[in-house]
């Protein structure tokens, strides 16, 4: 019998790294309840965190002012805004705000469901990282009603179809947003491979990689805004990533909730998630 052993072809050795890339997803709750007071808290939180890439949902935009631009200008970043719809002259949409240059982007509306059309969309941005490496980031917001699970499954199918055709990069694909579904739902299992995947494309739930056994509720009755809806605690906001590449580039190493501290009011009805990803060694 041979004594030869073989290397594990799936093994990835994370080398020492000089930096982590901070990636944030957060639903900012548009201009609802105590908007002016909340806006101050949102900006303070975002400046303190200083994430490198921000994926934001329920972002407002008016003819003469844009929440995405205000945040991007405060941080000195680039941004893309995608408007889902408009109410009383105020836009409601998603934004990607990035320290890194935005090379290309797409704003794609989901196929409309005639009965349950909430005019949802996703934004795809190609960010220029170091050494010409592209980071593909997608920010989305799915239908919110419990009974709209079939709609969310259709939206997830569109997302995963789209991701399956992206040009390969040396950095994992990042999918972020408010999915309005808990981790045991079929729509989330379609993303993580616990249900039949789309085009053999599977992403990993970053919170579960970095916070094993912790629920990470982003919709919590500790938050008075969420408590008013009489719903139960659950995690409905996510960061997903494809597998890390050589030397562990893009591997999640830690995650935490943000927007979850308050003296009086919370910045949003959602808590956000901040994840640190392995960056490139200089």
C-alpha atoms as a PDB file:
ATOM      1  CA  UNK A   1       0.000   0.000   0.000  1.00  0.00           C
ATOM      2  CA  UNK A   2       1.356   3.429  -0.969  1.00  0.00           C
ATOM      3  CA  UNK A   3       2.254   5.879   1.815  1.00  0.00           C
ATOM      4  CA  UNK A   4       1.654   8.839  -0.446  1.00  0.00           C
ATOM      5  CA  UNK A   5      -0.868  11.457   0.722  1.00  0.00           C
ATOM      6  CA  UNK A   6      -2.521  14.002  -1.534  1.00  0.00           C
ATOM      7  CA  UNK A   7      -3.217  17.699  -0.980  1.00  0.00           C
ATOM      8  CA  UNK A   8      -6.801  18.761  -0.414  1.00  0.00           C
ATOM      9  CA  UNK A   9      -7.863  20.415  -3.715  1.00  0.00           C
ATOM     10  CA  UNK A  10     -10.455  22.538  -1.869  1.00  0.00           C
ATOM     11  CA  UNK A  11      -8.053  23.863   0.771  1.00  0.00           C
ATOM     12  CA  UNK A  12      -7.394  27.607   0.848  1.00  0.00           C
ATOM     13  CA  UNK A  13      -4.582  28.939   3.001  1.00  0.00           C
ATOM     14  CA  UNK A  14      -5.203  32.486   4.211  1.00  0.00           C
ATOM     15  CA  UNK A  15      -1.921  34.352   4.213  1.00  0.00           C
ATOM     16  CA  UNK A  16      -1.223  37.258   6.515  1.00  0.00           C
ATOM     17  CA  UNK A  17      -3.142  40.271   5.325  1.00  0.00           C
ATOM     18  CA  UNK A  18      -2.584  43.972   5.843  1.00  0.00           C
ATOM     19  CA  UNK A  19      -6.175  45.098   5.543  1.00  0.00           C
ATOM     20  CA  UNK A  20      -9.765  44.039   5.717  1.00  0.00           C
ATOM     21  CA  UNK A  21     -12.473  45.397   3.458  1.00  0.00           C
ATOM     22  CA  UNK A  22     -15.473  46.563   5.466  1.00  0.00           C
ATOM     23  CA  UNK A  23     -18.785  45.789   3.778  1.00  0.00           C
ATOM     24  CA  UNK A  24     -22.111  47.050   5.112  1.00  0.00           C
ATOM     25  CA  UNK A  25     -25.751  46.320   4.330  1.00  0.00           C
ATOM     26  CA  UNK A  26     -28.503  48.399   5.963  1.00  0.00           C
ATOM     27  CA  UNK A  27     -32.137  49.301   5.325  1.00  0.00           C
ATOM     28  CA  UNK A  28     -32.419  53.025   6.215  1.00  0.00           C
ATOM     29  CA  UNK A  29     -36.246  53.107   6.422  1.00  0.00           C
ATOM     30  CA  UNK A  30     -36.797  55.907   3.879  1.00  0.00           C
ATOM     31  CA  UNK A  31     -38.433  59.054   5.356  1.00  0.00           C
ATOM     32  CA  UNK A  32     -40.640  57.226   7.836  1.00  0.00           C
ATOM     33  CA  UNK A  33     -41.127  58.127  11.538  1.00  0.00           C
ATOM     34  CA  UNK A  34     -38.912  60.852  13.054  1.00  0.00           C
ATOM     35  CA  UNK A  35     -36.941  61.036   9.826  1.00  0.00           C
ATOM     36  CA  UNK A  36     -34.932  64.174  10.693  1.00  0.00           C
ATOM     37  CA  UNK A  37     -33.762  62.819  14.055  1.00  0.00           C
ATOM     38  CA  UNK A  38     -32.964  59.446  12.510  1.00  0.00           C
ATOM     39  CA  UNK A  39     -30.991  61.017   9.672  1.00  0.00           C
ATOM     40  CA  UNK A  40     -28.560  62.523  12.168  1.00  0.00           C
ATOM     41  CA  UNK A  41     -28.083  59.114  13.799  1.00  0.00           C
ATOM     42  CA  UNK A  42     -27.654  57.362  10.427  1.00  0.00           C
ATOM     43  CA  UNK A  43     -24.937  59.772   9.287  1.00  0.00           C
ATOM     44  CA  UNK A  44     -23.160  59.574  12.645  1.00  0.00           C
ATOM     45  CA  UNK A  45     -23.186  55.772  12.578  1.00  0.00           C
ATOM     46  CA  UNK A  46     -21.930  55.582   8.995  1.00  0.00           C
ATOM     47  CA  UNK A  47     -19.127  58.057   9.601  1.00  0.00           C
ATOM     48  CA  UNK A  48     -18.010  56.181  12.712  1.00  0.00           C
ATOM     49  CA  UNK A  49     -18.041  52.800  10.954  1.00  0.00           C
ATOM     50  CA  UNK A  50     -16.345  54.112   7.791  1.00  0.00           C
ATOM     51  CA  UNK A  51     -17.213  51.009   5.769  1.00  0.00           C
ATOM     52  CA  UNK A  52     -15.462  50.692   2.404  1.00  0.00           C
ATOM     53  CA  UNK A  53     -18.572  49.471   0.570  1.00  0.00           C
ATOM     54  CA  UNK A  54     -22.154  50.282   1.601  1.00  0.00           C
ATOM     55  CA  UNK A  55     -25.260  48.544   0.257  1.00  0.00           C
ATOM     56  CA  UNK A  56     -28.300  50.523   1.356  1.00  0.00           C
ATOM     57  CA  UNK A  57     -32.035  50.001   0.936  1.00  0.00           C
ATOM     58  CA  UNK A  58     -35.036  52.333   1.333  1.00  0.00           C
ATOM     59  CA  UNK A  59     -32.896  55.282   0.357  1.00  0.00           C
ATOM     60  CA  UNK A  60     -34.739  58.510  -0.478  1.00  0.00           C
ATOM     61  CA  UNK A  61     -34.160  60.921  -3.331  1.00  0.00           C
ATOM     62  CA  UNK A  62     -35.855  64.210  -4.204  1.00  0.00           C
ATOM     63  CA  UNK A  63     -35.457  66.617  -7.086  1.00  0.00           C
ATOM     64  CA  UNK A  64     -32.951  68.784  -5.238  1.00  0.00           C
ATOM     65  CA  UNK A  65     -31.494  66.366  -2.670  1.00  0.00           C
ATOM     66  CA  UNK A  66     -30.322  62.763  -2.442  1.00  0.00           C
ATOM     67  CA  UNK A  67     -29.651  60.698   0.672  1.00  0.00           C
ATOM     68  CA  UNK A  68     -27.132  58.571  -1.240  1.00  0.00           C
ATOM     69  CA  UNK A  69     -25.246  61.672  -2.380  1.00  0.00           C
ATOM     70  CA  UNK A  70     -25.273  63.163   1.132  1.00  0.00           C
ATOM     71  CA  UNK A  71     -23.733  59.974   2.553  1.00  0.00           C
ATOM     72  CA  UNK A  72     -21.247  59.601  -0.320  1.00  0.00           C
ATOM     73  CA  UNK A  73     -20.140  63.216   0.011  1.00  0.00           C
ATOM     74  CA  UNK A  74     -19.685  62.874   3.792  1.00  0.00           C
ATOM     75  CA  UNK A  75     -17.427  59.854   3.225  1.00  0.00           C
ATOM     76  CA  UNK A  76     -15.751  61.129   0.054  1.00  0.00           C
ATOM     77  CA  UNK A  77     -17.007  58.084  -1.882  1.00  0.00           C
ATOM     78  CA  UNK A  78     -18.655  57.201  -5.213  1.00  0.00           C
ATOM     79  CA  UNK A  79     -22.286  56.129  -5.457  1.00  0.00           C
ATOM     80  CA  UNK A  80     -25.055  54.680  -7.603  1.00  0.00           C
ATOM     81  CA  UNK A  81     -28.739  55.110  -6.853  1.00  0.00           C
ATOM     82  CA  UNK A  82     -31.544  53.009  -8.315  1.00  0.00           C
ATOM     83  CA  UNK A  83     -35.096  54.283  -7.828  1.00  0.00           C
ATOM     84  CA  UNK A  84     -37.770  51.627  -7.371  1.00  0.00           C
ATOM     85  CA  UNK A  85     -40.703  54.037  -7.319  1.00  0.00           C
ATOM     86  CA  UNK A  86     -41.741  57.493  -6.204  1.00  0.00           C
ATOM     87  CA  UNK A  87     -44.250  58.561  -3.555  1.00  0.00           C
ATOM     88  CA  UNK A  88     -45.428  62.158  -3.244  1.00  0.00           C
ATOM     89  CA  UNK A  89     -42.363  63.378  -5.138  1.00  0.00           C
ATOM     90  CA  UNK A  90     -39.866  61.388  -3.074  1.00  0.00           C
ATOM     91  CA  UNK A  91     -37.934  58.494  -4.611  1.00  0.00           C
ATOM     92  CA  UNK A  92     -37.626  55.145  -2.827  1.00  0.00           C
ATOM     93  CA  UNK A  93     -34.735  52.905  -3.846  1.00  0.00           C
ATOM     94  CA  UNK A  94     -31.385  51.249  -3.263  1.00  0.00           C
ATOM     95  CA  UNK A  95     -27.833  52.577  -3.341  1.00  0.00           C
ATOM     96  CA  UNK A  96     -24.287  51.264  -3.515  1.00  0.00           C
ATOM     97  CA  UNK A  97     -21.708  53.666  -2.069  1.00  0.00           C
ATOM     98  CA  UNK A  98     -18.045  52.759  -2.517  1.00  0.00           C
ATOM     99  CA  UNK A  99     -14.564  53.931  -1.610  1.00  0.00           C
ATOM    100  CA  UNK A 100     -13.378  52.116  -4.723  1.00  0.00           C
ATOM    101  CA  UNK A 101     -14.000  53.438  -8.253  1.00  0.00           C
ATOM    102  CA  UNK A 102     -17.192  52.184  -9.899  1.00  0.00           C
ATOM    103  CA  UNK A 103     -16.210  50.861 -13.342  1.00  0.00           C
ATOM    104  CA  UNK A 104     -19.633  49.743 -14.541  1.00  0.00           C
ATOM    105  CA  UNK A 105     -23.093  49.275 -13.122  1.00  0.00           C
ATOM    106  CA  UNK A 106     -26.514  47.880 -13.956  1.00  0.00           C
ATOM    107  CA  UNK A 107     -29.884  48.723 -12.394  1.00  0.00           C
ATOM    108  CA  UNK A 108     -32.381  45.938 -13.077  1.00  0.00           C
ATOM    109  CA  UNK A 109     -36.058  45.834 -12.153  1.00  0.00           C
ATOM    110  CA  UNK A 110     -37.407  42.430 -11.169  1.00  0.00           C
ATOM    111  CA  UNK A 111     -40.087  40.963 -13.391  1.00  0.00           C
ATOM    112  CA  UNK A 112     -43.385  42.388 -12.252  1.00  0.00           C
ATOM    113  CA  UNK A 113     -45.917  40.144 -10.562  1.00  0.00           C
ATOM    114  CA  UNK A 114     -49.298  41.544 -11.721  1.00  0.00           C
ATOM    115  CA  UNK A 115     -50.943  41.054  -8.302  1.00  0.00           C
ATOM    116  CA  UNK A 116     -48.001  41.681  -5.968  1.00  0.00           C
ATOM    117  CA  UNK A 117     -45.792  44.193  -7.716  1.00  0.00           C
ATOM    118  CA  UNK A 118     -43.784  46.180  -5.159  1.00  0.00           C
ATOM    119  CA  UNK A 119     -41.501  47.530  -7.916  1.00  0.00           C
ATOM    120  CA  UNK A 120     -38.335  45.965  -6.514  1.00  0.00           C
ATOM    121  CA  UNK A 121     -34.922  46.037  -8.170  1.00  0.00           C
ATOM    122  CA  UNK A 122     -31.272  45.160  -7.767  1.00  0.00           C
ATOM    123  CA  UNK A 123     -28.113  47.136  -8.494  1.00  0.00           C
ATOM    124  CA  UNK A 124     -24.922  45.484  -9.730  1.00  0.00           C
ATOM    125  CA  UNK A 125     -21.693  47.487  -9.440  1.00  0.00           C
ATOM    126  CA  UNK A 126     -18.252  46.474 -10.672  1.00  0.00           C
ATOM    127  CA  UNK A 127     -15.743  48.061  -8.301  1.00  0.00           C
ATOM    128  CA  UNK A 128     -12.071  48.456  -9.173  1.00  0.00           C
ATOM    129  CA  UNK A 129      -9.996  47.065  -6.314  1.00  0.00           C
ATOM    130  CA  UNK A 130      -6.199  46.628  -6.295  1.00  0.00           C
ATOM    131  CA  UNK A 131      -4.074  45.220  -9.138  1.00  0.00           C
ATOM    132  CA  UNK A 132      -6.976  45.505 -11.553  1.00  0.00           C
ATOM    133  CA  UNK A 133      -9.171  43.102  -9.545  1.00  0.00           C
ATOM    134  CA  UNK A 134     -12.918  43.624  -9.892  1.00  0.00           C
ATOM    135  CA  UNK A 135     -15.300  43.285  -6.955  1.00  0.00           C
ATOM    136  CA  UNK A 136     -18.835  42.441  -8.093  1.00  0.00           C
ATOM    137  CA  UNK A 137     -21.352  43.816  -5.575  1.00  0.00           C
ATOM    138  CA  UNK A 138     -25.124  43.416  -5.821  1.00  0.00           C
ATOM    139  CA  UNK A 139     -27.585  45.296  -3.599  1.00  0.00           C
ATOM    140  CA  UNK A 140     -31.261  44.354  -3.494  1.00  0.00           C
ATOM    141  CA  UNK A 141     -34.546  44.545  -1.587  1.00  0.00           C
ATOM    142  CA  UNK A 142     -37.169  41.805  -2.033  1.00  0.00           C
ATOM    143  CA  UNK A 143     -40.955  41.880  -1.512  1.00  0.00           C
ATOM    144  CA  UNK A 144     -41.814  42.270   2.153  1.00  0.00           C
ATOM    145  CA  UNK A 145     -45.161  40.530   2.821  1.00  0.00           C
ATOM    146  CA  UNK A 146     -45.129  37.021   4.294  1.00  0.00           C
ATOM    147  CA  UNK A 147     -47.558  35.762   1.681  1.00  0.00           C
ATOM    148  CA  UNK A 148     -45.240  36.951  -1.105  1.00  0.00           C
ATOM    149  CA  UNK A 149     -42.840  34.022  -0.707  1.00  0.00           C
ATOM    150  CA  UNK A 150     -43.475  32.835  -4.302  1.00  0.00           C
ATOM    151  CA  UNK A 151     -42.585  36.341  -5.508  1.00  0.00           C
ATOM    152  CA  UNK A 152     -39.360  36.319  -3.480  1.00  0.00           C
ATOM    153  CA  UNK A 153     -38.473  32.904  -4.873  1.00  0.00           C
ATOM    154  CA  UNK A 154     -38.909  34.305  -8.374  1.00  0.00           C
ATOM    155  CA  UNK A 155     -36.753  37.313  -7.461  1.00  0.00           C
ATOM    156  CA  UNK A 156     -34.036  35.051  -6.021  1.00  0.00           C
ATOM    157  CA  UNK A 157     -34.146  32.978  -9.211  1.00  0.00           C
ATOM    158  CA  UNK A 158     -33.532  36.144 -11.247  1.00  0.00           C
ATOM    159  CA  UNK A 159     -30.671  37.165  -8.961  1.00  0.00           C
ATOM    160  CA  UNK A 160     -28.926  33.811  -9.063  1.00  0.00           C
ATOM    161  CA  UNK A 161     -29.416  33.512 -12.843  1.00  0.00           C
ATOM    162  CA  UNK A 162     -27.757  36.900 -13.199  1.00  0.00           C
ATOM    163  CA  UNK A 163     -24.890  36.017 -10.852  1.00  0.00           C
ATOM    164  CA  UNK A 164     -24.283  32.718 -12.629  1.00  0.00           C
ATOM    165  CA  UNK A 165     -23.405  34.624 -15.810  1.00  0.00           C
ATOM    166  CA  UNK A 166     -21.022  37.159 -14.269  1.00  0.00           C
ATOM    167  CA  UNK A 167     -17.474  37.179 -15.554  1.00  0.00           C
ATOM    168  CA  UNK A 168     -15.143  35.450 -13.096  1.00  0.00           C
ATOM    169  CA  UNK A 169     -13.016  37.614 -10.815  1.00  0.00           C
ATOM    170  CA  UNK A 170     -10.334  36.894  -8.232  1.00  0.00           C
ATOM    171  CA  UNK A 171     -12.665  38.325  -5.597  1.00  0.00           C
ATOM    172  CA  UNK A 172     -15.881  36.628  -4.421  1.00  0.00           C
ATOM    173  CA  UNK A 173     -19.241  37.899  -5.651  1.00  0.00           C
ATOM    174  CA  UNK A 174     -21.020  39.856  -2.883  1.00  0.00           C
ATOM    175  CA  UNK A 175     -24.827  39.871  -2.644  1.00  0.00           C
ATOM    176  CA  UNK A 176     -26.330  42.145   0.000  1.00  0.00           C
ATOM    177  CA  UNK A 177     -29.712  43.458   1.000  1.00  0.00           C
ATOM    178  CA  UNK A 178     -33.043  43.201   2.736  1.00  0.00           C
ATOM    179  CA  UNK A 179     -34.463  39.823   1.688  1.00  0.00           C
ATOM    180  CA  UNK A 180     -37.512  39.882   3.994  1.00  0.00           C
ATOM    181  CA  UNK A 181     -37.077  36.157   4.645  1.00  0.00           C
ATOM    182  CA  UNK A 182     -35.573  34.233   7.540  1.00  0.00           C
ATOM    183  CA  UNK A 183     -32.631  31.803   7.130  1.00  0.00           C
ATOM    184  CA  UNK A 184     -34.877  28.711   7.079  1.00  0.00           C
ATOM    185  CA  UNK A 185     -37.066  29.996   4.235  1.00  0.00           C
ATOM    186  CA  UNK A 186     -36.991  28.349   0.829  1.00  0.00           C
ATOM    187  CA  UNK A 187     -35.895  31.556  -0.878  1.00  0.00           C
ATOM    188  CA  UNK A 188     -32.771  31.811   1.305  1.00  0.00           C
ATOM    189  CA  UNK A 189     -32.064  28.091   0.904  1.00  0.00           C
ATOM    190  CA  UNK A 190     -32.083  28.625  -2.867  1.00  0.00           C
ATOM    191  CA  UNK A 191     -29.135  30.977  -2.418  1.00  0.00           C
ATOM    192  CA  UNK A 192     -27.142  28.860   0.048  1.00  0.00           C
ATOM    193  CA  UNK A 193     -27.589  25.525  -1.741  1.00  0.00           C
ATOM    194  CA  UNK A 194     -29.892  23.945   0.858  1.00  0.00           C
ATOM    195  CA  UNK A 195     -32.525  23.810  -1.837  1.00  0.00           C
ATOM    196  CA  UNK A 196     -31.935  23.109  -5.521  1.00  0.00           C
ATOM    197  CA  UNK A 197     -29.561  25.892  -6.631  1.00  0.00           C
ATOM    198  CA  UNK A 198     -29.979  27.970  -9.774  1.00  0.00           C
ATOM    199  CA  UNK A 199     -27.431  27.090 -12.484  1.00  0.00           C
ATOM    200  CA  UNK A 200     -25.316  25.344  -9.838  1.00  0.00           C
ATOM    201  CA  UNK A 201     -24.592  28.743  -8.277  1.00  0.00           C
ATOM    202  CA  UNK A 202     -24.331  28.792  -4.480  1.00  0.00           C
ATOM    203  CA  UNK A 203     -23.418  31.622  -2.113  1.00  0.00           C
ATOM    204  CA  UNK A 204     -22.609  31.476   1.586  1.00  0.00           C
ATOM    205  CA  UNK A 205     -24.442  33.258   4.375  1.00  0.00           C
ATOM    206  CA  UNK A 206     -21.635  35.381   5.810  1.00  0.00           C
ATOM    207  CA  UNK A 207     -23.281  35.814   9.209  1.00  0.00           C
ATOM    208  CA  UNK A 208     -23.355  32.046   9.707  1.00  0.00           C
ATOM    209  CA  UNK A 209     -19.690  31.794   8.723  1.00  0.00           C
ATOM    210  CA  UNK A 210     -18.554  34.383  11.232  1.00  0.00           C
ATOM    211  CA  UNK A 211     -21.108  34.140  14.058  1.00  0.00           C
ATOM    212  CA  UNK A 212     -21.908  30.452  14.465  1.00  0.00           C
ATOM    213  CA  UNK A 213     -24.937  29.899  16.686  1.00  0.00           C
ATOM    214  CA  UNK A 214     -25.814  33.579  17.028  1.00  0.00           C
ATOM    215  CA  UNK A 215     -29.203  34.554  15.572  1.00  0.00           C
ATOM    216  CA  UNK A 216     -28.172  38.045  14.456  1.00  0.00           C
ATOM    217  CA  UNK A 217     -31.694  39.423  14.426  1.00  0.00           C
ATOM    218  CA  UNK A 218     -31.870  42.465  12.174  1.00  0.00           C
ATOM    219  CA  UNK A 219     -35.618  42.783  12.813  1.00  0.00           C
ATOM    220  CA  UNK A 220     -35.843  42.953  16.590  1.00  0.00           C
ATOM    221  CA  UNK A 221     -38.450  43.897  19.170  1.00  0.00           C
ATOM    222  CA  UNK A 222     -35.667  45.629  21.090  1.00  0.00           C
ATOM    223  CA  UNK A 223     -36.123  48.299  18.442  1.00  0.00           C
ATOM    224  CA  UNK A 224     -39.269  50.318  19.148  1.00  0.00           C
ATOM    225  CA  UNK A 225     -39.833  50.968  15.439  1.00  0.00           C
ATOM    226  CA  UNK A 226     -39.864  47.232  14.681  1.00  0.00           C
ATOM    227  CA  UNK A 227     -41.820  46.393  17.845  1.00  0.00           C
ATOM    228  CA  UNK A 228     -44.796  48.451  16.624  1.00  0.00           C
ATOM    229  CA  UNK A 229     -45.430  45.989  13.791  1.00  0.00           C
ATOM    230  CA  UNK A 230     -46.166  43.157  16.291  1.00  0.00           C
ATOM    231  CA  UNK A 231     -43.894  40.774  14.401  1.00  0.00           C
ATOM    232  CA  UNK A 232     -41.389  38.270  15.766  1.00  0.00           C
ATOM    233  CA  UNK A 233     -37.597  38.649  15.979  1.00  0.00           C
ATOM    234  CA  UNK A 234     -35.755  37.346  12.921  1.00  0.00           C
ATOM    235  CA  UNK A 235     -32.817  37.940  10.610  1.00  0.00           C
ATOM    236  CA  UNK A 236     -34.003  39.217   7.247  1.00  0.00           C
ATOM    237  CA  UNK A 237     -30.955  41.224   6.121  1.00  0.00           C
ATOM    238  CA  UNK A 238     -27.972  39.400   4.639  1.00  0.00           C
ATOM    239  CA  UNK A 239     -24.538  39.500   3.143  1.00  0.00           C
ATOM    240  CA  UNK A 240     -23.838  36.516   0.901  1.00  0.00           C
ATOM    241  CA  UNK A 241     -20.546  35.718  -0.816  1.00  0.00           C
ATOM    242  CA  UNK A 242     -19.161  33.148  -3.181  1.00  0.00           C
ATOM    243  CA  UNK A 243     -16.144  31.138  -2.047  1.00  0.00           C
ATOM    244  CA  UNK A 244     -12.877  32.952  -1.316  1.00  0.00           C
ATOM    245  CA  UNK A 245     -10.169  32.796  -3.953  1.00  0.00           C
ATOM    246  CA  UNK A 246      -6.434  32.104  -3.726  1.00  0.00           C
ATOM    247  CA  UNK A 247      -4.805  33.126  -0.434  1.00  0.00           C
ATOM    248  CA  UNK A 248      -8.248  33.688   1.091  1.00  0.00           C
ATOM    249  CA  UNK A 249      -8.944  36.982  -0.681  1.00  0.00           C
ATOM    250  CA  UNK A 250     -12.480  38.057   0.223  1.00  0.00           C
ATOM    251  CA  UNK A 251     -12.966  35.530   3.014  1.00  0.00           C
ATOM    252  CA  UNK A 252     -15.262  36.896   5.786  1.00  0.00           C
ATOM    253  CA  UNK A 253     -13.434  37.026   9.108  1.00  0.00           C
ATOM    254  CA  UNK A 254     -15.903  38.801  11.411  1.00  0.00           C
ATOM    255  CA  UNK A 255     -19.369  40.370  11.357  1.00  0.00           C
ATOM    256  CA  UNK A 256     -21.449  42.456  13.723  1.00  0.00           C
ATOM    257  CA  UNK A 257     -24.782  44.261  13.906  1.00  0.00           C
ATOM    258  CA  UNK A 258     -24.860  48.030  13.520  1.00  0.00           C
ATOM    259  CA  UNK A 259     -27.542  50.602  14.279  1.00  0.00           C
ATOM    260  CA  UNK A 260     -28.535  48.512  17.312  1.00  0.00           C
ATOM    261  CA  UNK A 261     -27.651  50.981  20.067  1.00  0.00           C
ATOM    262  CA  UNK A 262     -29.977  53.750  21.194  1.00  0.00           C
ATOM    263  CA  UNK A 263     -30.406  56.225  24.009  1.00  0.00           C
ATOM    264  CA  UNK A 264     -33.855  57.244  22.827  1.00  0.00           C
ATOM    265  CA  UNK A 265     -34.551  56.267  19.227  1.00  0.00           C
ATOM    266  CA  UNK A 266     -32.916  53.917  16.747  1.00  0.00           C
ATOM    267  CA  UNK A 267     -31.592  55.138  13.370  1.00  0.00           C
ATOM    268  CA  UNK A 268     -33.838  52.692  11.451  1.00  0.00           C
ATOM    269  CA  UNK A 269     -36.401  49.955  11.989  1.00  0.00           C
ATOM    270  CA  UNK A 270     -33.710  47.512  10.796  1.00  0.00           C
ATOM    271  CA  UNK A 271     -30.318  46.763  12.276  1.00  0.00           C
ATOM    272  CA  UNK A 272     -27.584  46.520   9.670  1.00  0.00           C
ATOM    273  CA  UNK A 273     -24.747  44.031   9.214  1.00  0.00           C
ATOM    274  CA  UNK A 274     -21.067  44.966   8.924  1.00  0.00           C
ATOM    275  CA  UNK A 275     -18.633  42.328   7.685  1.00  0.00           C
ATOM    276  CA  UNK A 276     -14.839  42.383   7.427  1.00  0.00           C
ATOM    277  CA  UNK A 277     -13.403  40.572   4.390  1.00  0.00           C
ATOM    278  CA  UNK A 278      -9.757  39.598   3.838  1.00  0.00           C
ATOM    279  CA  UNK A 279      -8.076  42.248   1.716  1.00  0.00           C
ATOM    280  CA  UNK A 280      -4.981  42.087  -0.419  1.00  0.00           C
ATOM    281  CA  UNK A 281      -1.570  42.110   1.184  1.00  0.00           C
ATOM    282  CA  UNK A 282       0.459  45.142   0.020  1.00  0.00           C
END
